[in-house]
Structure formats: C-alpha cells, structure tokens
Amino acid sequence: MSSEILETFSEVWDALGEHRGVADLTGAKASTVSMWKNAGSFPANTYIILTDALRAIGKSAPDSLWRMKIPAEANP
C-alpha cells in the first residue's frame, strides 16, 4: 500500500492537526509552533516525530519541508 504524498507545508500542517496537533506531537511551545507556521517549514529536529506521525495516518511528505538536503544539494 502506498502512502498519500503531501507536497506542501500547509498540507502537512493540516494533516497533523494544525497548531494544536503539531504542538502536541513535538512538545513545542505555542509561540515556537507559530514561528514554524510563519516560516512555512518545520525544523530538522522534528523530522522523525512528524514523519512517523504522518506514516501512522498513511501519508508522507518531502524531506525539504524540514529543510533537509538531499546528497546532490549537500555537495554543490
């Protein structure tokens, strides 16, 4: 079974329960989560917890939403 791929920050944000859901999953303060929303990306240190939460609901998202670099980007 393949997962639904969410392409944007907003799609992931909505799928994970928006502000409250993301804050609950990460344990981050409301003001911190608001900064992520304003920036339109998640910090790298939330990658595992949020991608696991997505996987649990049958979804996935590109690593770039966490400011992750793929090998080609890492070595210009």
C-alpha atoms as a PDB file:
ATOM      1  CA  MET A   1       0.000   0.000   0.000  1.00  0.00           C
ATOM      2  CA  SER A   2       1.435   3.388  -0.960  1.00  0.00           C
ATOM      3  CA  SER A   3       1.011   6.478   1.149  1.00  0.00           C
ATOM      4  CA  GLU A   4      -0.547   9.749   0.097  1.00  0.00           C
ATOM      5  CA  ILE A   5       2.221  12.259  -0.567  1.00  0.00           C
ATOM      6  CA  LEU A   6       1.639  15.699   0.884  1.00  0.00           C
ATOM      7  CA  GLU A   7       3.605  18.254  -1.115  1.00  0.00           C
ATOM      8  CA  THR A   8       3.325  21.428   0.959  1.00  0.00           C
ATOM      9  CA  PHE A   9       3.849  22.634   4.487  1.00  0.00           C
ATOM     10  CA  SER A  10       0.150  23.548   4.677  1.00  0.00           C
ATOM     11  CA  GLU A  11      -0.939  20.034   3.712  1.00  0.00           C
ATOM     12  CA  VAL A  12       1.270  18.516   6.424  1.00  0.00           C
ATOM     13  CA  TRP A  13       0.167  21.154   8.937  1.00  0.00           C
ATOM     14  CA  ASP A  14      -3.499  20.354   8.291  1.00  0.00           C
ATOM     15  CA  ALA A  15      -2.990  16.566   8.285  1.00  0.00           C
ATOM     16  CA  LEU A  16      -1.250  16.666  11.664  1.00  0.00           C
ATOM     17  CA  GLY A  17      -3.961  18.706  13.364  1.00  0.00           C
ATOM     18  CA  GLU A  18      -2.717  22.207  12.713  1.00  0.00           C
ATOM     19  CA  HIS A  19      -1.319  24.266  15.594  1.00  0.00           C
ATOM     20  CA  ARG A  20      -2.553  22.083  18.459  1.00  0.00           C
ATOM     21  CA  GLY A  21      -1.662  18.788  16.776  1.00  0.00           C
ATOM     22  CA  VAL A  22       1.857  19.833  15.808  1.00  0.00           C
ATOM     23  CA  ALA A  23       2.484  21.308  19.265  1.00  0.00           C
ATOM     24  CA  ASP A  24       1.236  18.146  20.974  1.00  0.00           C
ATOM     25  CA  LEU A  25       3.351  15.888  18.759  1.00  0.00           C
ATOM     26  CA  THR A  26       6.557  17.874  19.184  1.00  0.00           C
ATOM     27  CA  GLY A  27       6.137  19.184  22.722  1.00  0.00           C
ATOM     28  CA  ALA A  28       6.959  22.663  21.432  1.00  0.00           C
ATOM     29  CA  LYS A  29       5.530  25.846  22.916  1.00  0.00           C
ATOM     30  CA  ALA A  30       2.692  27.612  21.114  1.00  0.00           C
ATOM     31  CA  SER A  31       4.946  30.556  20.204  1.00  0.00           C
ATOM     32  CA  THR A  32       7.537  28.205  18.704  1.00  0.00           C
ATOM     33  CA  VAL A  33       4.970  26.359  16.616  1.00  0.00           C
ATOM     34  CA  SER A  34       3.621  29.720  15.417  1.00  0.00           C
ATOM     35  CA  MET A  35       7.102  30.618  14.166  1.00  0.00           C
ATOM     36  CA  TRP A  36       7.204  27.380  12.150  1.00  0.00           C
ATOM     37  CA  LYS A  37       3.817  28.225  10.647  1.00  0.00           C
ATOM     38  CA  ASN A  38       5.001  31.719   9.723  1.00  0.00           C
ATOM     39  CA  ALA A  39       8.213  30.335   8.186  1.00  0.00           C
ATOM     40  CA  GLY A  40       6.318  27.664   6.258  1.00  0.00           C
ATOM     41  CA  SER A  41       8.715  24.890   7.238  1.00  0.00           C
ATOM     42  CA  PHE A  42       9.452  22.587  10.137  1.00  0.00           C
ATOM     43  CA  PRO A  43      12.832  22.481  11.903  1.00  0.00           C
ATOM     44  CA  ALA A  44      15.005  19.458  11.176  1.00  0.00           C
ATOM     45  CA  ASN A  45      14.776  18.231  14.775  1.00  0.00           C
ATOM     46  CA  THR A  46      11.051  17.494  14.265  1.00  0.00           C
ATOM     47  CA  TYR A  47      11.615  15.310  11.201  1.00  0.00           C
ATOM     48  CA  ILE A  48      11.412  11.891  12.842  1.00  0.00           C
ATOM     49  CA  ILE A  49       8.432  12.591  15.107  1.00  0.00           C
ATOM     50  CA  LEU A  50       6.387  14.285  12.401  1.00  0.00           C
ATOM     51  CA  THR A  51       7.209  11.850   9.593  1.00  0.00           C
ATOM     52  CA  ASP A  52       6.337   8.962  11.948  1.00  0.00           C
ATOM     53  CA  ALA A  53       3.018  10.688  12.722  1.00  0.00           C
ATOM     54  CA  LEU A  54       2.362  11.106   9.001  1.00  0.00           C
ATOM     55  CA  ARG A  55       3.225   7.479   8.323  1.00  0.00           C
ATOM     56  CA  ALA A  56       0.778   6.405  11.040  1.00  0.00           C
ATOM     57  CA  ILE A  57      -2.035   8.091   9.087  1.00  0.00           C
ATOM     58  CA  GLY A  58      -0.909   6.791   5.701  1.00  0.00           C
ATOM     59  CA  LYS A  59       0.823   9.945   4.482  1.00  0.00           C
ATOM     60  CA  SER A  60       4.322  11.166   3.681  1.00  0.00           C
ATOM     61  CA  ALA A  61       5.985  14.444   2.698  1.00  0.00           C
ATOM     62  CA  PRO A  62       9.209  15.586   1.041  1.00  0.00           C
ATOM     63  CA  ASP A  63      12.263  15.981   3.249  1.00  0.00           C
ATOM     64  CA  SER A  64      12.633  19.566   2.055  1.00  0.00           C
ATOM     65  CA  LEU A  65       9.730  20.624   4.287  1.00  0.00           C
ATOM     66  CA  TRP A  66      12.152  20.073   7.171  1.00  0.00           C
ATOM     67  CA  ARG A  67      14.983  21.940   5.443  1.00  0.00           C
ATOM     68  CA  MET A  68      16.719  18.631   4.798  1.00  0.00           C
ATOM     69  CA  LYS A  69      19.203  18.479   1.952  1.00  0.00           C
ATOM     70  CA  ILE A  70      19.486  15.577  -0.408  1.00  0.00           C
ATOM     71  CA  PRO A  71      23.052  14.489  -1.283  1.00  0.00           C
ATOM     72  CA  ALA A  72      23.159  16.424  -4.562  1.00  0.00           C
ATOM     73  CA  GLU A  73      22.277  19.631  -2.682  1.00  0.00           C
ATOM     74  CA  ALA A  74      24.782  18.921   0.071  1.00  0.00           C
ATOM     75  CA  ASN A  75      27.754  18.775  -2.323  1.00  0.00           C
ATOM     76  CA  PRO A  76      27.435  21.599  -4.879  1.00  0.00           C
END
